[in-house]
PDB file of N, CA and C in Angstrom:
ATOM      1  N   UNK A   1      19.880 -20.413  15.654  1.00  0.00           N
ATOM      2  CA  UNK A   1      19.009 -19.316  15.290  1.00  0.00           C
ATOM      3  C   UNK A   1      19.844 -18.031  15.239  1.00  0.00           C
ATOM      4  N   UNK A   2      19.792 -17.357  14.099  1.00  0.00           N
ATOM      5  CA  UNK A   2      20.625 -16.163  13.960  1.00  0.00           C
ATOM      6  C   UNK A   2      20.034 -14.983  14.727  1.00  0.00           C
ATOM      7  N   UNK A   3      20.907 -14.094  15.141  1.00  0.00           N
ATOM      8  CA  UNK A   3      20.475 -12.923  15.906  1.00  0.00           C
ATOM      9  C   UNK A   3      20.240 -11.751  14.958  1.00  0.00           C
ATOM     10  N   UNK A   4      19.261 -11.919  14.058  1.00  0.00           N
ATOM     11  CA  UNK A   4      18.952 -10.896  13.065  1.00  0.00           C
ATOM     12  C   UNK A   4      17.445 -10.676  13.065  1.00  0.00           C
ATOM     13  N   UNK A   5      17.038  -9.412  13.045  1.00  0.00           N
ATOM     14  CA  UNK A   5      15.622  -9.057  12.982  1.00  0.00           C
ATOM     15  C   UNK A   5      15.063  -9.469  11.620  1.00  0.00           C
ATOM     16  N   UNK A   6      13.894 -10.119  11.617  1.00  0.00           N
ATOM     17  CA  UNK A   6      13.311 -10.605  10.370  1.00  0.00           C
ATOM     18  C   UNK A   6      12.693  -9.492   9.525  1.00  0.00           C
ATOM     19  N   UNK A   7      12.394  -8.353  10.114  1.00  0.00           N
ATOM     20  CA  UNK A   7      11.762  -7.270   9.364  1.00  0.00           C
ATOM     21  C   UNK A   7      12.738  -6.170   8.943  1.00  0.00           C
ATOM     22  N   UNK A   8      13.696  -5.851   9.789  1.00  0.00           N
ATOM     23  CA  UNK A   8      14.601  -4.740   9.469  1.00  0.00           C
ATOM     24  C   UNK A   8      15.998  -5.192   9.079  1.00  0.00           C
ATOM     25  N   UNK A   9      16.349  -6.446   9.342  1.00  0.00           N
ATOM     26  CA  UNK A   9      17.690  -6.927   9.038  1.00  0.00           C
ATOM     27  C   UNK A   9      18.740  -6.473  10.034  1.00  0.00           C
ATOM     28  N   UNK A  10      18.309  -5.888  11.144  1.00  0.00           N
ATOM     29  CA  UNK A  10      19.245  -5.410  12.157  1.00  0.00           C
ATOM     30  C   UNK A  10      19.917  -6.598  12.829  1.00  0.00           C
ATOM     31  N   UNK A  11      21.260  -6.571  12.891  1.00  0.00           N
ATOM     32  CA  UNK A  11      22.023  -7.678  13.469  1.00  0.00           C
ATOM     33  C   UNK A  11      23.026  -7.185  14.494  1.00  0.00           C
ATOM     34  N   UNK A  12      23.895  -8.083  14.972  1.00  0.00           N
ATOM     35  CA  UNK A  12      24.895  -7.705  15.965  1.00  0.00           C
ATOM     36  C   UNK A  12      25.900  -6.704  15.408  1.00  0.00           C
ATOM     37  N   UNK A  13      26.354  -5.814  16.283  1.00  0.00           N
ATOM     38  CA  UNK A  13      27.423  -4.875  15.952  1.00  0.00           C
ATOM     39  C   UNK A  13      28.580  -5.158  16.890  1.00  0.00           C
ATOM     40  N   UNK A  14      29.766  -4.694  16.526  1.00  0.00           N
ATOM     41  CA  UNK A  14      30.910  -4.907  17.406  1.00  0.00           C
ATOM     42  C   UNK A  14      31.458  -3.569  17.868  1.00  0.00           C
ATOM     43  N   UNK A  15      32.115  -3.607  19.017  1.00  0.00           N
ATOM     44  CA  UNK A  15      32.688  -2.397  19.586  1.00  0.00           C
ATOM     45  C   UNK A  15      33.650  -2.768  20.694  1.00  0.00           C
ATOM     46  N   UNK A  16      33.897  -1.852  21.579  1.00  0.00           N
ATOM     47  CA  UNK A  16      34.848  -2.057  22.661  1.00  0.00           C
ATOM     48  C   UNK A  16      34.189  -1.893  24.025  1.00  0.00           C
ATOM     49  N   UNK A  17      34.611  -2.735  24.985  1.00  0.00           N
ATOM     50  CA  UNK A  17      34.397  -2.446  26.388  1.00  0.00           C
ATOM     51  C   UNK A  17      35.531  -1.514  26.781  1.00  0.00           C
ATOM     52  N   UNK A  18      35.239  -0.425  27.428  1.00  0.00           N
ATOM     53  CA  UNK A  18      36.284   0.508  27.851  1.00  0.00           C
ATOM     54  C   UNK A  18      36.246   0.594  29.373  1.00  0.00           C
ATOM     55  N   UNK A  19      37.348   0.192  29.991  1.00  0.00           N
ATOM     56  CA  UNK A  19      37.425   0.197  31.449  1.00  0.00           C
ATOM     57  C   UNK A  19      37.741   1.601  31.959  1.00  0.00           C
ATOM     58  N   UNK A  20      37.693   1.733  33.273  1.00  0.00           N
ATOM     59  CA  UNK A  20      38.031   3.011  33.902  1.00  0.00           C
ATOM     60  C   UNK A  20      39.481   3.400  33.591  1.00  0.00           C
ATOM     61  N   UNK A  21      40.350   2.389  33.429  1.00  0.00           N
ATOM     62  CA  UNK A  21      41.757   2.634  33.086  1.00  0.00           C
ATOM     63  C   UNK A  21      41.960   2.785  31.579  1.00  0.00           C
ATOM     64  N   UNK A  22      40.850   2.861  30.832  1.00  0.00           N
ATOM     65  CA  UNK A  22      40.846   3.046  29.381  1.00  0.00           C
ATOM     66  C   UNK A  22      41.405   1.840  28.629  1.00  0.00           C
ATOM     67  N   UNK A  23      41.344   0.645  29.248  1.00  0.00           N
ATOM     68  CA  UNK A  23      41.695  -0.587  28.540  1.00  0.00           C
ATOM     69  C   UNK A  23      40.523  -0.951  27.630  1.00  0.00           C
ATOM     70  N   UNK A  24      40.836  -1.407  26.427  1.00  0.00           N
ATOM     71  CA  UNK A  24      39.788  -1.719  25.458  1.00  0.00           C
ATOM     72  C   UNK A  24      39.814  -3.202  25.114  1.00  0.00           C
ATOM     73  N   UNK A  25      38.661  -3.855  25.237  1.00  0.00           N
ATOM     74  CA  UNK A  25      38.504  -5.242  24.827  1.00  0.00           C
ATOM     75  C   UNK A  25      37.274  -5.328  23.938  1.00  0.00           C
ATOM     76  N   UNK A  26      37.326  -6.215  22.947  1.00  0.00           N
ATOM     77  CA  UNK A  26      36.234  -6.313  21.978  1.00  0.00           C
ATOM     78  C   UNK A  26      34.981  -6.912  22.615  1.00  0.00           C
ATOM     79  N   UNK A  27      33.834  -6.473  22.137  1.00  0.00           N
ATOM     80  CA  UNK A  27      32.548  -6.989  22.596  1.00  0.00           C
ATOM     81  C   UNK A  27      31.549  -6.914  21.460  1.00  0.00           C
ATOM     82  N   UNK A  28      30.384  -7.510  21.671  1.00  0.00           N
ATOM     83  CA  UNK A  28      29.307  -7.464  20.678  1.00  0.00           C
ATOM     84  C   UNK A  28      28.095  -6.772  21.270  1.00  0.00           C
ATOM     85  N   UNK A  29      27.457  -5.945  20.463  1.00  0.00           N
ATOM     86  CA  UNK A  29      26.190  -5.318  20.830  1.00  0.00           C
ATOM     87  C   UNK A  29      25.105  -6.091  20.096  1.00  0.00           C
ATOM     88  N   UNK A  30      24.262  -6.822  20.836  1.00  0.00           N
ATOM     89  CA  UNK A  30      23.229  -7.644  20.226  1.00  0.00           C
ATOM     90  C   UNK A  30      21.910  -6.875  20.131  1.00  0.00           C
ATOM     91  N   UNK A  31      21.140  -7.089  19.056  1.00  0.00           N
ATOM     92  CA  UNK A  31      19.839  -6.427  18.950  1.00  0.00           C
ATOM     93  C   UNK A  31      18.857  -6.993  19.974  1.00  0.00           C
ATOM     94  N   UNK A  32      17.905  -6.177  20.379  1.00  0.00           N
ATOM     95  CA  UNK A  32      16.895  -6.576  21.356  1.00  0.00           C
ATOM     96  C   UNK A  32      15.781  -7.322  20.625  1.00  0.00           C
ATOM     97  N   UNK A  33      15.975  -8.633  20.430  1.00  0.00           N
ATOM     98  CA  UNK A  33      15.024  -9.434  19.665  1.00  0.00           C
ATOM     99  C   UNK A  33      13.950 -10.024  20.560  1.00  0.00           C
ATOM    100  N   UNK A  34      12.721 -10.031  20.058  1.00  0.00           N
ATOM    101  CA  UNK A  34      11.575 -10.585  20.770  1.00  0.00           C
ATOM    102  C   UNK A  34      10.776 -11.466  19.816  1.00  0.00           C
ATOM    103  N   UNK A  35      10.250 -12.558  20.340  1.00  0.00           N
ATOM    104  CA  UNK A  35       9.374 -13.438  19.575  1.00  0.00           C
ATOM    105  C   UNK A  35       7.947 -12.903  19.734  1.00  0.00           C
ATOM    106  N   UNK A  36       7.368 -12.383  18.659  1.00  0.00           N
ATOM    107  CA  UNK A  36       6.033 -11.804  18.724  1.00  0.00           C
ATOM    108  C   UNK A  36       5.151 -12.409  17.627  1.00  0.00           C
ATOM    109  N   UNK A  37       3.857 -12.370  17.840  1.00  0.00           N
ATOM    110  CA  UNK A  37       2.891 -12.785  16.826  1.00  0.00           C
ATOM    111  C   UNK A  37       2.195 -11.535  16.313  1.00  0.00           C
ATOM    112  N   UNK A  38       2.382 -11.257  15.036  1.00  0.00           N
ATOM    113  CA  UNK A  38       1.759 -10.084  14.409  1.00  0.00           C
ATOM    114  C   UNK A  38       0.607 -10.552  13.538  1.00  0.00           C
ATOM    115  N   UNK A  39      -0.496  -9.816  13.590  1.00  0.00           N
ATOM    116  CA  UNK A  39      -1.692 -10.182  12.843  1.00  0.00           C
ATOM    117  C   UNK A  39      -1.743  -9.457  11.508  1.00  0.00           C
ATOM    118  N   UNK A  40      -2.042 -10.202  10.466  1.00  0.00           N
ATOM    119  CA  UNK A  40      -2.262  -9.626   9.148  1.00  0.00           C
ATOM    120  C   UNK A  40      -3.769  -9.447   8.975  1.00  0.00           C
ATOM    121  N   UNK A  41      -4.194  -8.217   8.739  1.00  0.00           N
ATOM    122  CA  UNK A  41      -5.625  -7.943   8.595  1.00  0.00           C
ATOM    123  C   UNK A  41      -6.164  -8.454   7.271  1.00  0.00           C
ATOM    124  N   UNK A  42      -5.358  -8.397   6.227  1.00  0.00           N
ATOM    125  CA  UNK A  42      -5.823  -8.836   4.903  1.00  0.00           C
ATOM    126  C   UNK A  42      -5.919 -10.349   4.802  1.00  0.00           C
ATOM    127  N   UNK A  43      -5.029 -11.069   5.512  1.00  0.00           N
ATOM    128  CA  UNK A  43      -5.028 -12.531   5.452  1.00  0.00           C
ATOM    129  C   UNK A  43      -5.763 -13.163   6.623  1.00  0.00           C
ATOM    130  N   UNK A  44      -6.158 -12.359   7.614  1.00  0.00           N
ATOM    131  CA  UNK A  44      -6.882 -12.840   8.797  1.00  0.00           C
ATOM    132  C   UNK A  44      -6.157 -13.967   9.524  1.00  0.00           C
ATOM    133  N   UNK A  45      -4.856 -13.797   9.721  1.00  0.00           N
ATOM    134  CA  UNK A  45      -4.110 -14.784  10.500  1.00  0.00           C
ATOM    135  C   UNK A  45      -2.891 -14.134  11.126  1.00  0.00           C
ATOM    136  N   UNK A  46      -2.323 -14.815  12.117  1.00  0.00           N
ATOM    137  CA  UNK A  46      -1.154 -14.304  12.815  1.00  0.00           C
ATOM    138  C   UNK A  46       0.120 -14.963  12.323  1.00  0.00           C
ATOM    139  N   UNK A  47       1.212 -14.225  12.384  1.00  0.00           N
ATOM    140  CA  UNK A  47       2.524 -14.730  11.996  1.00  0.00           C
ATOM    141  C   UNK A  47       3.484 -14.519  13.153  1.00  0.00           C
ATOM    142  N   UNK A  48       4.178 -15.584  13.538  1.00  0.00           N
ATOM    143  CA  UNK A  48       5.152 -15.511  14.603  1.00  0.00           C
ATOM    144  C   UNK A  48       6.498 -15.118  14.008  1.00  0.00           C
ATOM    145  N   UNK A  49       7.033 -13.979  14.446  1.00  0.00           N
ATOM    146  CA  UNK A  49       8.285 -13.458  13.906  1.00  0.00           C
ATOM    147  C   UNK A  49       9.229 -13.103  15.043  1.00  0.00           C
ATOM    148  N   UNK A  50      10.519 -13.150  14.774  1.00  0.00           N
ATOM    149  CA  UNK A  50      11.541 -12.745  15.749  1.00  0.00           C
ATOM    150  C   UNK A  50      12.061 -11.383  15.295  1.00  0.00           C
ATOM    151  N   UNK A  51      11.552 -10.326  15.920  1.00  0.00           N
ATOM    152  CA  UNK A  51      11.883  -8.973  15.476  1.00  0.00           C
ATOM    153  C   UNK A  51      12.438  -8.153  16.634  1.00  0.00           C
ATOM    154  N   UNK A  52      13.111  -7.062  16.289  1.00  0.00           N
ATOM    155  CA  UNK A  52      13.678  -6.177  17.306  1.00  0.00           C
ATOM    156  C   UNK A  52      12.578  -5.295  17.887  1.00  0.00           C
ATOM    157  N   UNK A  53      12.848  -4.753  19.065  1.00  0.00           N
ATOM    158  CA  UNK A  53      11.887  -3.861  19.719  1.00  0.00           C
ATOM    159  C   UNK A  53      11.659  -2.617  18.859  1.00  0.00           C
ATOM    160  N   UNK A  54      12.704  -2.134  18.191  1.00  0.00           N
ATOM    161  CA  UNK A  54      12.568  -0.969  17.313  1.00  0.00           C
ATOM    162  C   UNK A  54      11.661  -1.288  16.127  1.00  0.00           C
ATOM    163  N   UNK A  55      11.760  -2.492  15.588  1.00  0.00           N
ATOM    164  CA  UNK A  55      10.902  -2.891  14.472  1.00  0.00           C
ATOM    165  C   UNK A  55       9.451  -2.998  14.919  1.00  0.00           C
ATOM    166  N   UNK A  56       9.233  -3.468  16.145  1.00  0.00           N
ATOM    167  CA  UNK A  56       7.869  -3.563  16.667  1.00  0.00           C
ATOM    168  C   UNK A  56       7.236  -2.178  16.774  1.00  0.00           C
ATOM    169  N   UNK A  57       8.005  -1.188  17.221  1.00  0.00           N
ATOM    170  CA  UNK A  57       7.497   0.188  17.268  1.00  0.00           C
ATOM    171  C   UNK A  57       7.215   0.706  15.861  1.00  0.00           C
ATOM    172  N   UNK A  58       8.067   0.357  14.898  1.00  0.00           N
ATOM    173  CA  UNK A  58       7.860   0.797  13.518  1.00  0.00           C
ATOM    174  C   UNK A  58       6.598   0.184  12.926  1.00  0.00           C
ATOM    175  N   UNK A  59       6.344  -1.084  13.233  1.00  0.00           N
ATOM    176  CA  UNK A  59       5.129  -1.753  12.747  1.00  0.00           C
ATOM    177  C   UNK A  59       3.900  -1.046  13.312  1.00  0.00           C
ATOM    178  N   UNK A  60       3.921  -0.723  14.598  1.00  0.00           N
ATOM    179  CA  UNK A  60       2.795  -0.010  15.213  1.00  0.00           C
ATOM    180  C   UNK A  60       2.628   1.377  14.598  1.00  0.00           C
ATOM    181  N   UNK A  61       3.731   2.058  14.350  1.00  0.00           N
ATOM    182  CA  UNK A  61       3.679   3.423  13.813  1.00  0.00           C
ATOM    183  C   UNK A  61       3.106   3.445  12.398  1.00  0.00           C
ATOM    184  N   UNK A  62       3.453   2.451  11.595  1.00  0.00           N
ATOM    185  CA  UNK A  62       2.985   2.416  10.205  1.00  0.00           C
ATOM    186  C   UNK A  62       1.576   1.861  10.063  1.00  0.00           C
ATOM    187  N   UNK A  63       1.024   1.319  11.131  1.00  0.00           N
ATOM    188  CA  UNK A  63      -0.364   0.876  11.074  1.00  0.00           C
ATOM    189  C   UNK A  63      -0.552  -0.613  10.891  1.00  0.00           C
ATOM    190  N   UNK A  64       0.388  -1.425  11.335  1.00  0.00           N
ATOM    191  CA  UNK A  64       0.225  -2.872  11.286  1.00  0.00           C
ATOM    192  C   UNK A  64       1.210  -3.540  10.343  1.00  0.00           C
ATOM    193  N   UNK A  65       1.172  -4.865  10.372  1.00  0.00           N
ATOM    194  CA  UNK A  65       2.113  -5.667   9.589  1.00  0.00           C
ATOM    195  C   UNK A  65       1.936  -5.447   8.095  1.00  0.00           C
ATOM    196  N   UNK A  66       0.705  -5.375   7.622  1.00  0.00           N
ATOM    197  CA  UNK A  66       0.448  -5.221   6.187  1.00  0.00           C
ATOM    198  C   UNK A  66       1.046  -3.922   5.653  1.00  0.00           C
ATOM    199  N   UNK A  67       0.833  -2.829   6.362  1.00  0.00           N
ATOM    200  CA  UNK A  67       1.352  -1.534   5.925  1.00  0.00           C
ATOM    201  C   UNK A  67       2.873  -1.496   6.015  1.00  0.00           C
ATOM    202  N   UNK A  68       3.435  -2.120   7.058  1.00  0.00           N
ATOM    203  CA  UNK A  68       4.895  -2.137   7.206  1.00  0.00           C
ATOM    204  C   UNK A  68       5.540  -2.880   6.050  1.00  0.00           C
ATOM    205  N   UNK A  69       5.015  -4.064   5.731  1.00  0.00           N
ATOM    206  CA  UNK A  69       5.612  -4.870   4.662  1.00  0.00           C
ATOM    207  C   UNK A  69       5.431  -4.228   3.293  1.00  0.00           C
ATOM    208  N   UNK A  70       4.343  -3.482   3.108  1.00  0.00           N
ATOM    209  CA  UNK A  70       4.132  -2.813   1.820  1.00  0.00           C
ATOM    210  C   UNK A  70       5.221  -1.776   1.551  1.00  0.00           C
ATOM    211  N   UNK A  71       5.703  -1.104   2.607  1.00  0.00           N
ATOM    212  CA  UNK A  71       6.730  -0.080   2.445  1.00  0.00           C
ATOM    213  C   UNK A  71       8.150  -0.615   2.558  1.00  0.00           C
ATOM    214  N   UNK A  72       8.318  -1.827   3.131  1.00  0.00           N
ATOM    215  CA  UNK A  72       9.653  -2.362   3.428  1.00  0.00           C
ATOM    216  C   UNK A  72      10.395  -2.743   2.155  1.00  0.00           C
ATOM    217  N   UNK A  73      11.718  -2.576   2.193  1.00  0.00           N
ATOM    218  CA  UNK A  73      12.575  -2.980   1.079  1.00  0.00           C
ATOM    219  C   UNK A  73      12.782  -4.488   1.137  1.00  0.00           C
ATOM    220  N   UNK A  74      12.755  -5.132  -0.021  1.00  0.00           N
ATOM    221  CA  UNK A  74      12.857  -6.583  -0.078  1.00  0.00           C
ATOM    222  C   UNK A  74      14.207  -7.103   0.420  1.00  0.00           C
ATOM    223  N   UNK A  75      15.287  -6.341   0.227  1.00  0.00           N
ATOM    224  CA  UNK A  75      16.610  -6.827   0.624  1.00  0.00           C
ATOM    225  C   UNK A  75      16.801  -6.829   2.140  1.00  0.00           C
ATOM    226  N   UNK A  76      16.002  -6.086   2.887  1.00  0.00           N
ATOM    227  CA  UNK A  76      16.102  -6.072   4.348  1.00  0.00           C
ATOM    228  C   UNK A  76      15.288  -7.193   4.992  1.00  0.00           C
ATOM    229  N   UNK A  77      14.292  -7.701   4.297  1.00  0.00           N
ATOM    230  CA  UNK A  77      13.388  -8.696   4.871  1.00  0.00           C
ATOM    231  C   UNK A  77      13.985 -10.093   4.819  1.00  0.00           C
ATOM    232  N   UNK A  78      13.617 -10.920   5.801  1.00  0.00           N
ATOM    233  CA  UNK A  78      14.028 -12.324   5.781  1.00  0.00           C
ATOM    234  C   UNK A  78      13.190 -13.064   4.741  1.00  0.00           C
ATOM    235  N   UNK A  79      13.551 -14.316   4.485  1.00  0.00           N
ATOM    236  CA  UNK A  79      12.809 -15.113   3.511  1.00  0.00           C
ATOM    237  C   UNK A  79      11.358 -15.310   3.942  1.00  0.00           C
ATOM    238  N   UNK A  80      11.142 -15.549   5.252  1.00  0.00           N
ATOM    239  CA  UNK A  80       9.776 -15.730   5.757  1.00  0.00           C
ATOM    240  C   UNK A  80       8.958 -14.451   5.598  1.00  0.00           C
ATOM    241  N   UNK A  81       9.557 -13.298   5.928  1.00  0.00           N
ATOM    242  CA  UNK A  81       8.834 -12.023   5.819  1.00  0.00           C
ATOM    243  C   UNK A  81       8.542 -11.693   4.360  1.00  0.00           C
ATOM    244  N   UNK A  82       9.466 -12.042   3.469  1.00  0.00           N
ATOM    245  CA  UNK A  82       9.262 -11.794   2.037  1.00  0.00           C
ATOM    246  C   UNK A  82       8.099 -12.642   1.508  1.00  0.00           C
ATOM    247  N   UNK A  83       8.002 -13.874   2.004  1.00  0.00           N
ATOM    248  CA  UNK A  83       6.893 -14.748   1.609  1.00  0.00           C
ATOM    249  C   UNK A  83       5.565 -14.181   2.086  1.00  0.00           C
ATOM    250  N   UNK A  84       5.531 -13.664   3.313  1.00  0.00           N
ATOM    251  CA  UNK A  84       4.312 -13.045   3.850  1.00  0.00           C
ATOM    252  C   UNK A  84       3.935 -11.824   3.016  1.00  0.00           C
ATOM    253  N   UNK A  85       4.945 -11.031   2.642  1.00  0.00           N
ATOM    254  CA  UNK A  85       4.695  -9.832   1.832  1.00  0.00           C
ATOM    255  C   UNK A  85       4.065 -10.212   0.491  1.00  0.00           C
ATOM    256  N   UNK A  86       4.559 -11.280  -0.127  1.00  0.00           N
ATOM    257  CA  UNK A  86       3.995 -11.726  -1.407  1.00  0.00           C
ATOM    258  C   UNK A  86       2.566 -12.233  -1.248  1.00  0.00           C
ATOM    259  N   UNK A  87       2.285 -12.953  -0.146  1.00  0.00           N
ATOM    260  CA  UNK A  87       0.924 -13.444   0.109  1.00  0.00           C
ATOM    261  C   UNK A  87      -0.054 -12.286   0.281  1.00  0.00           C
ATOM    262  N   UNK A  88       0.378 -11.233   0.981  1.00  0.00           N
ATOM    263  CA  UNK A  88      -0.476 -10.059   1.199  1.00  0.00           C
ATOM    264  C   UNK A  88      -0.741  -9.352  -0.122  1.00  0.00           C
ATOM    265  N   UNK A  89       0.312  -9.192  -0.943  1.00  0.00           N
ATOM    266  CA  UNK A  89       0.153  -8.534  -2.243  1.00  0.00           C
ATOM    267  C   UNK A  89      -0.788  -9.334  -3.144  1.00  0.00           C
ATOM    268  N   UNK A  90      -0.681 -10.659  -3.077  1.00  0.00           N
ATOM    269  CA  UNK A  90      -1.550 -11.522  -3.884  1.00  0.00           C
ATOM    270  C   UNK A  90      -2.991 -11.431  -3.416  1.00  0.00           C
ATOM    271  N   UNK A  91      -3.207 -11.330  -2.093  1.00  0.00           N
ATOM    272  CA  UNK A  91      -4.563 -11.265  -1.534  1.00  0.00           C
ATOM    273  C   UNK A  91      -5.249  -9.953  -1.863  1.00  0.00           C
ATOM    274  N   UNK A  92      -4.487  -8.867  -1.932  1.00  0.00           N
ATOM    275  CA  UNK A  92      -5.128  -7.569  -2.198  1.00  0.00           C
ATOM    276  C   UNK A  92      -5.209  -7.256  -3.684  1.00  0.00           C
ATOM    277  N   UNK A  93      -4.605  -8.074  -4.542  1.00  0.00           N
ATOM    278  CA  UNK A  93      -4.749  -7.883  -5.996  1.00  0.00           C
ATOM    279  C   UNK A  93      -6.197  -8.206  -6.377  1.00  0.00           C
ATOM    280  N   UNK A  94      -6.789  -7.400  -7.271  1.00  0.00           N
ATOM    281  CA  UNK A  94      -8.197  -7.647  -7.647  1.00  0.00           C
ATOM    282  C   UNK A  94      -8.335  -8.980  -8.400  1.00  0.00           C
ATOM    283  N   UNK A  95      -9.334  -9.747  -7.989  1.00  0.00           N
ATOM    284  CA  UNK A  95      -9.596 -11.040  -8.642  1.00  0.00           C
ATOM    285  C   UNK A  95     -10.413 -10.779  -9.897  1.00  0.00           C
ATOM    286  N   UNK A  96      -9.942 -11.307 -11.031  1.00  0.00           N
ATOM    287  CA  UNK A  96     -10.630 -11.070 -12.306  1.00  0.00           C
ATOM    288  C   UNK A  96     -11.545 -12.196 -12.703  1.00  0.00           C
TER     289      UNK A  96
END
């Protein structure tokens, strides 16, 4: 399982551990990923996603999963999130 947020695309970064003696060794900064279930109001169902804590705050700030995905760029989203975004867009399109 990759360490990448499904909504924002945030992944591991690299940097240095710096000791008191100023010795530098390489390390990785991992994103704070959480397994959460987000509810889609338009589709009336929950989706289990592995997202970062920052993405969870962004989803709450924008008013839920539907609003977040409507504004999100397609290149940042995972394949699963992109599929959910298309399902939401299809559900809110007027039926003729």
